[in-house]
Amino acid sequence: APVNNFVRFRRVFEAQKRALCHITARSRYALYINGEYLGQGPVRSWPNHLRYDTYDLSPYLREGKNCIAVLVYDPVFGNFQYLPQPPGLLAQIETEQGVIGTDSTWKVSVEPAMVPVTPRISCQQAFEEQYDARKEEPWKCVNYEDSHWPQAHGVGPVTSDITLKPRDIPFLTLDPVLPQRIVKVEAVTSAPYIWNIFPKPYVAPGDYSTNNLLCHAYIFTQIWSPEETEAEFIRPKGDFQDF
């Protein structure tokens, strides 16, 4: 998609008792082994000084075939947490049988449950996450049929101008926090239609940064409705003259 990409990677491998996984991605990843969630990362870093994470896969291994699954997110456009850069996944699995790297033996597919075309939250952040549970598949499990997935495309080895260093801060945790008391219960009805215009690709094609941009431009739109209705146009926040 032109923005907001969620891409799935799978690799089935054989291991017995022990295995380690070193992993990083641009820009974010979530790691699973045999359907079990292990963690997410990497920590923020400069494009040429990547941080990687190391996981002990041993407690999650099964005798025979195992499946490592990675969901990689790439917003395409920069924000206050991410500088635009070529997307990708870099991983290395160390087993008793040998070393497995990220190459064309991995399978790759777009995550259909994540909606790619969504409004952008703000220039400081990326786009909204919209999840369609009706399209979720058990792709993280070893028995999932991935023969229809294409092979991953290797972009080449890590170059000498890119340094790799381990994570320098602790992992984030996913601790459930229960509410102390219920204040109010009510039903909320969403608006039937909401349109959001993201004009930057049209007024500044090729600029994926989050830098401020001033330009003279016009935006036209036409709405067809089968019956008489009302439409509300909301002015964006900020001091925009002659809007």
Protein backbone atom coordinates (compact mmCIF):
# COMPACT_ATOMS: atom_id res chain seq x y z
CA ALA A 1 0.00 0.00 0.00
CA PRO A 2 1.19 3.59 -0.48
CA VAL A 3 1.06 4.12 3.31
CA ASN A 4 0.58 2.18 6.54
CA ASN A 5 1.88 -1.26 5.60
CA PHE A 6 1.45 -4.34 7.80
CA VAL A 7 3.37 -7.30 6.35
CA ARG A 8 3.55 -10.90 7.63
CA PHE A 9 6.70 -13.04 7.53
CA ARG A 10 6.83 -16.80 8.21
CA ARG A 11 9.60 -19.38 8.42
CA VAL A 12 9.15 -23.02 9.41
CA PHE A 13 12.30 -24.63 10.79
CA GLU A 14 13.35 -27.67 12.76
CA ALA A 15 14.85 -27.43 16.22
CA GLN A 16 15.10 -29.69 19.21
CA LYS A 17 15.83 -28.02 22.52
CA ARG A 18 17.58 -24.70 22.09
CA ALA A 19 17.34 -21.70 19.76
CA LEU A 20 18.05 -17.96 19.85
CA CYS A 21 16.60 -15.26 17.64
CA HIS A 22 18.28 -11.92 16.89
CA ILE A 23 15.88 -9.56 15.16
CA THR A 24 15.31 -5.98 14.03
CA ALA A 25 13.05 -4.29 11.48
CA ARG A 26 12.15 -1.02 9.86
CA SER A 27 10.16 0.33 11.42
CA ARG A 28 8.44 -2.01 13.94
CA TYR A 29 7.98 -5.73 14.44
CA ALA A 30 5.97 -8.13 16.61
CA LEU A 31 7.50 -11.59 17.08
CA TYR A 32 5.68 -14.91 17.56
CA ILE A 33 6.88 -18.51 17.90
CA ASN A 34 4.39 -21.32 17.36
CA GLY A 35 1.57 -18.84 17.89
CA GLU A 36 2.98 -17.49 21.17
CA TYR A 37 3.69 -13.76 21.40
CA LEU A 38 7.28 -13.04 22.43
CA GLY A 39 7.74 -9.28 22.13
CA GLN A 40 8.02 -6.23 19.92
CA GLY A 41 10.65 -3.72 18.91
CA PRO A 42 13.10 -2.45 18.01
CA VAL A 43 13.90 0.58 20.12
CA ARG A 44 14.23 3.85 18.25
CA SER A 45 17.55 4.42 16.54
CA TRP A 46 19.11 6.28 13.63
CA PRO A 47 18.68 4.62 10.20
CA ASN A 48 22.37 3.68 9.93
CA HIS A 49 22.72 2.58 13.56
CA LEU A 50 20.10 -0.12 14.04
CA ARG A 51 19.30 -1.74 17.37
CA TYR A 52 18.38 -5.41 17.48
CA ASP A 53 16.71 -7.64 20.06
CA THR A 54 17.58 -11.16 21.20
CA TYR A 55 15.00 -13.75 22.29
CA ASP A 56 15.46 -17.21 23.77
CA LEU A 57 13.08 -19.42 21.80
CA SER A 58 13.88 -22.57 23.80
CA PRO A 59 10.83 -22.52 26.15
CA TYR A 60 8.48 -22.38 23.14
CA LEU A 61 10.06 -25.01 20.89
CA ARG A 62 8.36 -28.26 19.95
CA GLU A 63 9.97 -31.46 18.80
CA GLY A 64 10.28 -31.30 15.03
CA LYS A 65 8.79 -28.40 13.07
CA ASN A 66 8.46 -24.92 14.55
CA CYS A 67 7.20 -21.67 13.08
CA ILE A 68 8.58 -18.20 13.63
CA ALA A 69 6.16 -15.46 12.57
CA VAL A 70 6.84 -11.73 12.42
CA LEU A 71 4.43 -8.87 11.75
CA VAL A 72 6.35 -5.87 10.40
CA TYR A 73 4.89 -2.36 10.26
CA ASP A 74 6.08 0.41 7.94
CA PRO A 75 4.21 3.77 8.02
CA VAL A 76 6.09 4.98 4.89
CA PHE A 77 5.72 8.61 6.00
CA GLY A 78 7.90 9.88 8.84
CA ASN A 79 6.71 11.10 12.23
CA PHE A 80 8.29 12.29 15.46
CA GLN A 81 9.34 8.71 16.28
CA TYR A 82 10.45 7.45 12.89
CA LEU A 83 12.60 8.70 9.99
CA PRO A 84 11.57 7.45 6.53
CA GLN A 85 13.83 4.66 5.32
CA PRO A 86 13.63 1.52 3.16
CA PRO A 87 11.45 -1.05 5.01
CA GLY A 88 12.52 -4.58 5.81
CA LEU A 89 13.06 -7.40 8.28
CA LEU A 90 16.45 -8.66 9.46
CA ALA A 91 16.60 -11.76 11.64
CA GLN A 92 18.91 -14.63 12.50
CA ILE A 93 17.86 -17.86 14.23
CA GLU A 94 20.60 -19.89 15.87
CA THR A 95 19.68 -23.56 16.43
CA GLU A 96 21.56 -26.72 17.24
CA GLN A 97 21.26 -27.65 13.57
CA GLY A 98 22.70 -24.39 12.26
CA VAL A 99 21.96 -20.73 11.55
CA ILE A 100 18.90 -19.48 9.65
CA GLY A 101 18.89 -15.94 8.27
CA THR A 102 16.25 -13.83 6.57
CA ASP A 103 16.34 -14.71 2.87
CA SER A 104 14.09 -15.97 0.08
CA THR A 105 13.21 -19.12 2.07
CA TRP A 106 10.84 -17.03 4.17
CA LYS A 107 7.23 -16.51 3.10
CA VAL A 108 5.69 -13.04 3.04
CA SER A 109 2.17 -11.64 2.71
CA VAL A 110 0.22 -8.48 3.47
CA GLU A 111 -1.82 -8.70 6.70
CA PRO A 112 -5.46 -8.55 5.46
CA ALA A 113 -6.89 -7.85 8.93
CA MET A 114 -5.11 -4.48 9.18
CA VAL A 115 -6.79 -1.73 7.15
CA PRO A 116 -4.08 0.23 5.27
CA VAL A 117 -6.04 3.34 4.27
CA THR A 118 -6.83 5.15 7.53
CA PRO A 119 -6.62 8.76 8.76
CA ARG A 120 -3.33 10.02 10.09
CA ILE A 121 -3.49 10.83 13.79
CA SER A 122 -1.15 13.84 13.60
CA CYS A 123 2.23 14.81 12.20
CA GLN A 124 3.80 13.57 15.44
CA GLN A 125 2.32 10.09 15.07
CA ALA A 126 1.50 7.63 12.34
CA PHE A 127 -1.89 6.49 11.05
CA GLU A 128 -4.83 5.02 12.92
CA GLU A 129 -4.76 1.27 13.50
CA GLN A 130 -7.98 -0.31 12.27
CA TYR A 131 -8.31 -4.06 12.74
CA ASP A 132 -10.88 -6.23 10.96
CA ALA A 133 -11.16 -9.43 13.01
CA ARG A 134 -13.25 -11.07 10.26
CA LYS A 135 -10.11 -11.32 8.11
CA GLU A 136 -7.77 -12.69 10.80
CA GLU A 137 -6.00 -15.95 9.88
CA PRO A 138 -4.05 -18.46 12.04
CA TRP A 139 -0.88 -17.59 10.12
CA LYS A 140 1.33 -17.68 13.22
CA CYS A 141 0.83 -21.44 13.72
CA VAL A 142 3.12 -24.10 12.27
CA ASN A 143 0.32 -25.97 10.47
CA TYR A 144 -0.98 -22.92 8.58
CA GLU A 145 -1.02 -23.49 4.82
CA ASP A 146 1.20 -20.80 3.29
CA SER A 147 1.83 -22.34 -0.15
CA HIS A 148 -0.06 -19.44 -1.76
CA TRP A 149 2.25 -16.88 -0.13
CA PRO A 150 5.10 -15.54 -2.28
CA GLN A 151 8.73 -15.91 -1.26
CA ALA A 152 10.38 -13.00 0.53
CA HIS A 153 12.69 -10.81 -1.53
CA GLY A 154 16.20 -10.37 -0.21
CA VAL A 155 17.56 -6.85 -0.58
CA GLY A 156 21.17 -7.83 0.05
CA PRO A 157 23.58 -8.09 2.99
CA VAL A 158 23.95 -5.47 5.69
CA THR A 159 26.37 -2.90 4.32
CA SER A 160 29.44 -1.57 6.06
CA ASP A 161 27.81 1.83 6.65
CA ILE A 162 25.11 0.26 8.86
CA THR A 163 26.02 -0.72 12.41
CA LEU A 164 24.06 -3.21 14.50
CA LYS A 165 23.98 -2.94 18.28
CA PRO A 166 21.86 -4.71 20.91
CA ARG A 167 18.92 -3.02 22.61
CA ASP A 168 20.14 -0.59 25.29
CA ILE A 169 16.93 -0.29 27.36
CA PRO A 170 14.58 -2.94 28.84
CA PHE A 171 11.68 -4.37 26.86
CA LEU A 172 8.24 -2.89 27.23
CA THR A 173 5.81 -5.06 29.16
CA LEU A 174 2.20 -6.03 28.51
CA ASP A 175 0.72 -6.10 31.98
CA PRO A 176 -3.07 -6.27 32.33
CA VAL A 177 -4.44 -3.48 34.52
CA LEU A 178 -7.98 -3.98 35.79
CA PRO A 179 -10.32 -1.01 36.32
CA GLN A 180 -10.97 0.03 39.91
CA ARG A 181 -14.63 0.95 39.40
CA ILE A 182 -17.19 1.56 36.65
CA VAL A 183 -18.05 5.24 36.36
CA LYS A 184 -20.54 5.15 33.48
CA VAL A 185 -21.94 2.76 30.88
CA GLU A 186 -23.41 4.02 27.62
CA ALA A 187 -23.82 3.02 24.00
CA VAL A 188 -21.97 5.08 21.40
CA THR A 189 -23.03 5.34 17.77
CA SER A 190 -20.31 6.16 15.28
CA ALA A 191 -20.82 8.74 12.57
CA PRO A 192 -22.06 7.04 9.38
CA TYR A 193 -19.34 8.53 7.17
CA ILE A 194 -16.10 10.37 7.87
CA TRP A 195 -13.70 11.49 5.14
CA ASN A 196 -10.11 12.51 5.77
CA ILE A 197 -7.85 14.18 3.20
CA PHE A 198 -4.09 13.57 3.31
CA PRO A 199 -2.83 16.10 0.73
CA LYS A 200 0.95 15.84 1.12
CA PRO A 201 1.52 13.11 -1.50
CA TYR A 202 -0.14 15.39 -4.04
CA VAL A 203 1.43 18.74 -3.19
CA ALA A 204 4.89 17.33 -2.39
CA PRO A 205 5.33 13.94 -4.10
CA GLY A 206 8.41 12.09 -2.92
CA ASP A 207 8.64 13.96 0.39
CA TYR A 208 8.02 11.35 3.12
CA SER A 209 9.33 13.44 6.00
CA THR A 210 7.23 15.04 8.70
CA ASN A 211 8.75 18.46 8.10
CA ASN A 212 6.45 21.46 7.95
CA LEU A 213 5.38 22.40 4.44
CA LEU A 214 3.78 25.66 3.31
CA CYS A 215 2.29 25.93 -0.16
CA HIS A 216 -0.54 27.52 -2.16
CA ALA A 217 -3.02 24.83 -3.15
CA TYR A 218 -6.70 24.20 -3.76
CA ILE A 219 -8.69 21.16 -2.72
CA PHE A 220 -11.92 20.38 -4.55
CA THR A 221 -14.42 17.70 -3.65
CA GLN A 222 -17.82 16.61 -4.87
CA ILE A 223 -20.36 14.64 -2.85
CA TRP A 224 -23.28 12.77 -4.43
CA SER A 225 -26.17 11.86 -2.15
CA PRO A 226 -29.36 10.00 -3.15
CA GLU A 227 -31.35 12.18 -0.75
CA GLU A 228 -31.13 15.55 0.94
CA THR A 229 -28.65 15.51 3.80
CA GLU A 230 -26.32 17.71 5.84
CA ALA A 231 -22.54 17.72 5.74
CA GLU A 232 -20.24 19.29 8.31
CA PHE A 233 -16.77 20.49 7.31
CA ILE A 234 -14.38 20.76 10.24
CA ARG A 235 -11.45 23.15 10.05
CA PRO A 236 -8.15 21.53 11.08
CA LYS A 237 -6.41 22.74 14.19
CA GLY A 238 -3.81 25.43 13.79
CA ASP A 239 -3.57 28.99 12.54
CA PHE A 240 -4.17 28.58 8.82
CA GLN A 241 -4.99 31.84 7.07
CA ASP A 242 -7.46 32.02 4.19
CA PHE A 243 -8.61 28.48 4.77
